[in-house]
Amino acid sequence: ALMVPIAAVILRPAGKVVYIVENGVAHQRIITTGEQVDGKIEVLSGLVGDETITVNGAGFLTDGAPVSVANGQ
């Protein structure tokens, strides 16, 4: 199962979202979640699994916001 840190999942009017980073820009992605285990939550739909997602500060992001990736991760 695809799991992400709970801190990466943000509740917005559109539903539960994560922000993926592509070319230095955050993009909102609506997801469907499942079980929570050890600080992570299962993603049932909305992600493929190879995306770079934001965790720290995700709640402050908006769609299209410029971001930088720390530590090359």
N, C-alpha and C. Protein backbone atom coordinates (compact mmCIF):
# COMPACT_ATOMS: atom_id res chain seq x y z
N ALA A 1 0.84 -1.19 0.00
CA ALA A 1 0.00 0.00 0.00
C ALA A 1 0.88 1.24 0.00
N LEU A 2 0.40 2.29 -0.64
CA LEU A 2 1.10 3.56 -0.67
C LEU A 2 0.79 4.31 0.62
N MET A 3 1.83 4.70 1.36
CA MET A 3 1.67 5.40 2.63
C MET A 3 2.42 6.72 2.58
N VAL A 4 1.85 7.76 3.20
CA VAL A 4 2.51 9.06 3.32
C VAL A 4 2.42 9.50 4.77
N PRO A 5 3.32 10.39 5.22
CA PRO A 5 3.21 10.91 6.58
C PRO A 5 1.87 11.64 6.77
N ILE A 6 1.26 11.45 7.92
CA ILE A 6 -0.02 12.11 8.21
C ILE A 6 0.10 13.62 8.05
N ALA A 7 1.26 14.19 8.42
CA ALA A 7 1.46 15.64 8.33
C ALA A 7 1.39 16.15 6.89
N ALA A 8 1.54 15.28 5.90
CA ALA A 8 1.48 15.70 4.50
C ALA A 8 0.05 15.87 4.01
N VAL A 9 -0.91 15.30 4.74
CA VAL A 9 -2.32 15.34 4.31
C VAL A 9 -3.00 16.54 4.96
N ILE A 10 -3.54 17.41 4.12
CA ILE A 10 -4.16 18.65 4.56
C ILE A 10 -5.64 18.62 4.19
N LEU A 11 -6.49 19.06 5.12
CA LEU A 11 -7.92 19.13 4.84
C LEU A 11 -8.24 20.50 4.24
N ARG A 12 -8.74 20.50 3.04
CA ARG A 12 -9.11 21.72 2.32
C ARG A 12 -10.60 21.61 1.93
N PRO A 13 -11.22 22.71 1.48
CA PRO A 13 -12.62 22.62 1.04
C PRO A 13 -12.83 21.54 -0.03
N ALA A 14 -11.82 21.29 -0.85
CA ALA A 14 -11.92 20.26 -1.89
C ALA A 14 -11.86 18.84 -1.33
N GLY A 15 -11.41 18.70 -0.08
CA GLY A 15 -11.25 17.40 0.56
C GLY A 15 -9.85 17.24 1.09
N LYS A 16 -9.42 16.01 1.26
CA LYS A 16 -8.06 15.73 1.72
C LYS A 16 -7.11 15.89 0.54
N VAL A 17 -6.04 16.67 0.75
CA VAL A 17 -5.09 16.90 -0.33
C VAL A 17 -3.66 16.73 0.18
N VAL A 18 -2.78 16.47 -0.75
CA VAL A 18 -1.34 16.59 -0.53
C VAL A 18 -0.83 17.54 -1.60
N TYR A 19 0.34 18.10 -1.35
CA TYR A 19 0.96 18.97 -2.35
C TYR A 19 2.16 18.24 -2.93
N ILE A 20 2.14 18.07 -4.24
CA ILE A 20 3.29 17.47 -4.92
C ILE A 20 4.14 18.60 -5.49
N VAL A 21 5.43 18.35 -5.62
CA VAL A 21 6.35 19.36 -6.13
C VAL A 21 6.83 18.93 -7.51
N GLU A 22 6.61 19.82 -8.48
CA GLU A 22 7.10 19.60 -9.84
C GLU A 22 7.75 20.88 -10.31
N ASN A 23 9.02 20.81 -10.66
CA ASN A 23 9.76 21.96 -11.18
C ASN A 23 9.68 23.18 -10.27
N GLY A 24 9.79 22.94 -8.95
CA GLY A 24 9.81 24.03 -7.99
C GLY A 24 8.47 24.67 -7.69
N VAL A 25 7.38 23.99 -8.09
CA VAL A 25 6.03 24.51 -7.86
C VAL A 25 5.19 23.45 -7.16
N ALA A 26 4.42 23.89 -6.13
CA ALA A 26 3.53 22.97 -5.42
C ALA A 26 2.21 22.86 -6.17
N HIS A 27 1.74 21.64 -6.33
CA HIS A 27 0.46 21.39 -6.99
C HIS A 27 -0.42 20.58 -6.05
N GLN A 28 -1.63 21.08 -5.82
CA GLN A 28 -2.58 20.39 -4.95
C GLN A 28 -3.09 19.13 -5.64
N ARG A 29 -3.11 18.04 -4.90
CA ARG A 29 -3.62 16.77 -5.44
C ARG A 29 -4.63 16.22 -4.45
N ILE A 30 -5.87 16.06 -4.86
CA ILE A 30 -6.91 15.49 -4.01
C ILE A 30 -6.68 13.99 -3.91
N ILE A 31 -6.77 13.48 -2.68
CA ILE A 31 -6.53 12.05 -2.45
C ILE A 31 -7.68 11.43 -1.66
N THR A 32 -7.74 10.12 -1.72
CA THR A 32 -8.64 9.34 -0.89
C THR A 32 -7.75 8.53 0.04
N THR A 33 -8.07 8.54 1.34
CA THR A 33 -7.22 7.88 2.32
C THR A 33 -7.89 6.66 2.92
N GLY A 34 -7.04 5.82 3.52
CA GLY A 34 -7.51 4.61 4.18
C GLY A 34 -7.02 4.56 5.62
N GLU A 35 -6.37 3.49 5.96
CA GLU A 35 -5.92 3.23 7.33
C GLU A 35 -4.74 4.11 7.73
N GLN A 36 -4.65 4.38 9.03
CA GLN A 36 -3.51 5.08 9.62
C GLN A 36 -2.70 4.09 10.45
N VAL A 37 -1.38 4.11 10.25
CA VAL A 37 -0.49 3.21 10.98
C VAL A 37 0.82 3.93 11.28
N ASP A 38 1.19 4.01 12.54
CA ASP A 38 2.50 4.54 12.96
C ASP A 38 2.84 5.89 12.33
N GLY A 39 1.92 6.85 12.38
CA GLY A 39 2.20 8.18 11.87
C GLY A 39 2.10 8.33 10.36
N LYS A 40 1.66 7.29 9.69
CA LYS A 40 1.48 7.34 8.23
C LYS A 40 0.03 7.01 7.91
N ILE A 41 -0.39 7.47 6.73
CA ILE A 41 -1.76 7.20 6.29
C ILE A 41 -1.73 6.61 4.88
N GLU A 42 -2.58 5.63 4.67
CA GLU A 42 -2.67 4.95 3.38
C GLU A 42 -3.36 5.86 2.36
N VAL A 43 -2.82 5.92 1.15
CA VAL A 43 -3.43 6.67 0.06
C VAL A 43 -4.03 5.67 -0.91
N LEU A 44 -5.36 5.70 -1.00
CA LEU A 44 -6.07 4.75 -1.86
C LEU A 44 -6.16 5.24 -3.30
N SER A 45 -6.23 6.56 -3.50
CA SER A 45 -6.27 7.10 -4.85
C SER A 45 -5.78 8.54 -4.83
N GLY A 46 -5.29 8.99 -5.99
CA GLY A 46 -4.83 10.36 -6.15
C GLY A 46 -3.33 10.50 -6.33
N LEU A 47 -2.57 9.47 -5.96
CA LEU A 47 -1.12 9.47 -6.14
C LEU A 47 -0.70 8.20 -6.85
N VAL A 48 0.38 8.30 -7.62
CA VAL A 48 0.94 7.13 -8.29
C VAL A 48 1.97 6.45 -7.39
N GLY A 49 2.76 7.27 -6.69
CA GLY A 49 3.77 6.72 -5.80
C GLY A 49 5.16 7.23 -6.06
N ASP A 50 5.38 7.85 -7.22
CA ASP A 50 6.72 8.36 -7.51
C ASP A 50 6.81 9.88 -7.39
N GLU A 51 5.75 10.52 -6.87
CA GLU A 51 5.74 11.97 -6.72
C GLU A 51 6.57 12.40 -5.51
N THR A 52 7.07 13.64 -5.57
CA THR A 52 7.69 14.27 -4.42
C THR A 52 6.61 15.07 -3.72
N ILE A 53 6.32 14.74 -2.47
CA ILE A 53 5.28 15.45 -1.74
C ILE A 53 5.89 16.31 -0.64
N THR A 54 5.14 17.34 -0.25
CA THR A 54 5.59 18.20 0.84
C THR A 54 5.08 17.65 2.16
N VAL A 55 5.88 17.86 3.22
CA VAL A 55 5.46 17.46 4.56
C VAL A 55 5.52 18.68 5.47
N ASN A 56 6.73 19.19 5.70
CA ASN A 56 6.89 20.35 6.57
C ASN A 56 6.33 21.60 5.90
N GLY A 57 5.39 22.25 6.55
CA GLY A 57 4.80 23.46 6.01
C GLY A 57 3.71 23.23 4.99
N ALA A 58 3.30 22.00 4.79
CA ALA A 58 2.29 21.70 3.77
C ALA A 58 1.00 22.46 4.01
N GLY A 59 0.65 22.67 5.27
CA GLY A 59 -0.59 23.37 5.60
C GLY A 59 -0.59 24.83 5.21
N PHE A 60 0.57 25.38 4.91
CA PHE A 60 0.68 26.79 4.53
C PHE A 60 0.73 26.99 3.02
N LEU A 61 0.75 25.90 2.27
CA LEU A 61 0.88 26.00 0.81
C LEU A 61 -0.46 26.24 0.13
N THR A 62 -0.38 26.78 -1.07
CA THR A 62 -1.52 26.89 -1.96
C THR A 62 -1.08 26.34 -3.32
N ASP A 63 -2.06 25.99 -4.12
CA ASP A 63 -1.76 25.45 -5.44
C ASP A 63 -1.01 26.48 -6.27
N GLY A 64 0.14 26.10 -6.83
CA GLY A 64 0.93 26.98 -7.66
C GLY A 64 2.00 27.75 -6.90
N ALA A 65 2.11 27.54 -5.59
CA ALA A 65 3.11 28.25 -4.80
C ALA A 65 4.52 27.76 -5.14
N PRO A 66 5.48 28.69 -5.23
CA PRO A 66 6.86 28.26 -5.47
C PRO A 66 7.42 27.60 -4.21
N VAL A 67 8.17 26.52 -4.39
CA VAL A 67 8.79 25.83 -3.26
C VAL A 67 10.21 25.44 -3.63
N SER A 68 11.03 25.21 -2.60
CA SER A 68 12.36 24.66 -2.82
C SER A 68 12.48 23.40 -2.00
N VAL A 69 13.20 22.43 -2.53
CA VAL A 69 13.37 21.14 -1.88
C VAL A 69 14.65 21.19 -1.06
N ALA A 70 14.54 20.89 0.24
CA ALA A 70 15.68 20.91 1.14
C ALA A 70 16.47 19.62 1.04
N ASN A 71 17.78 19.71 1.14
CA ASN A 71 18.67 18.54 1.19
C ASN A 71 18.58 17.64 -0.04
N GLY A 72 18.15 18.20 -1.16
CA GLY A 72 18.10 17.40 -2.39
C GLY A 72 17.12 16.26 -2.34
N GLN A 73 16.15 16.30 -1.46
CA GLN A 73 15.18 15.22 -1.32
C GLN A 73 13.86 15.60 -1.95
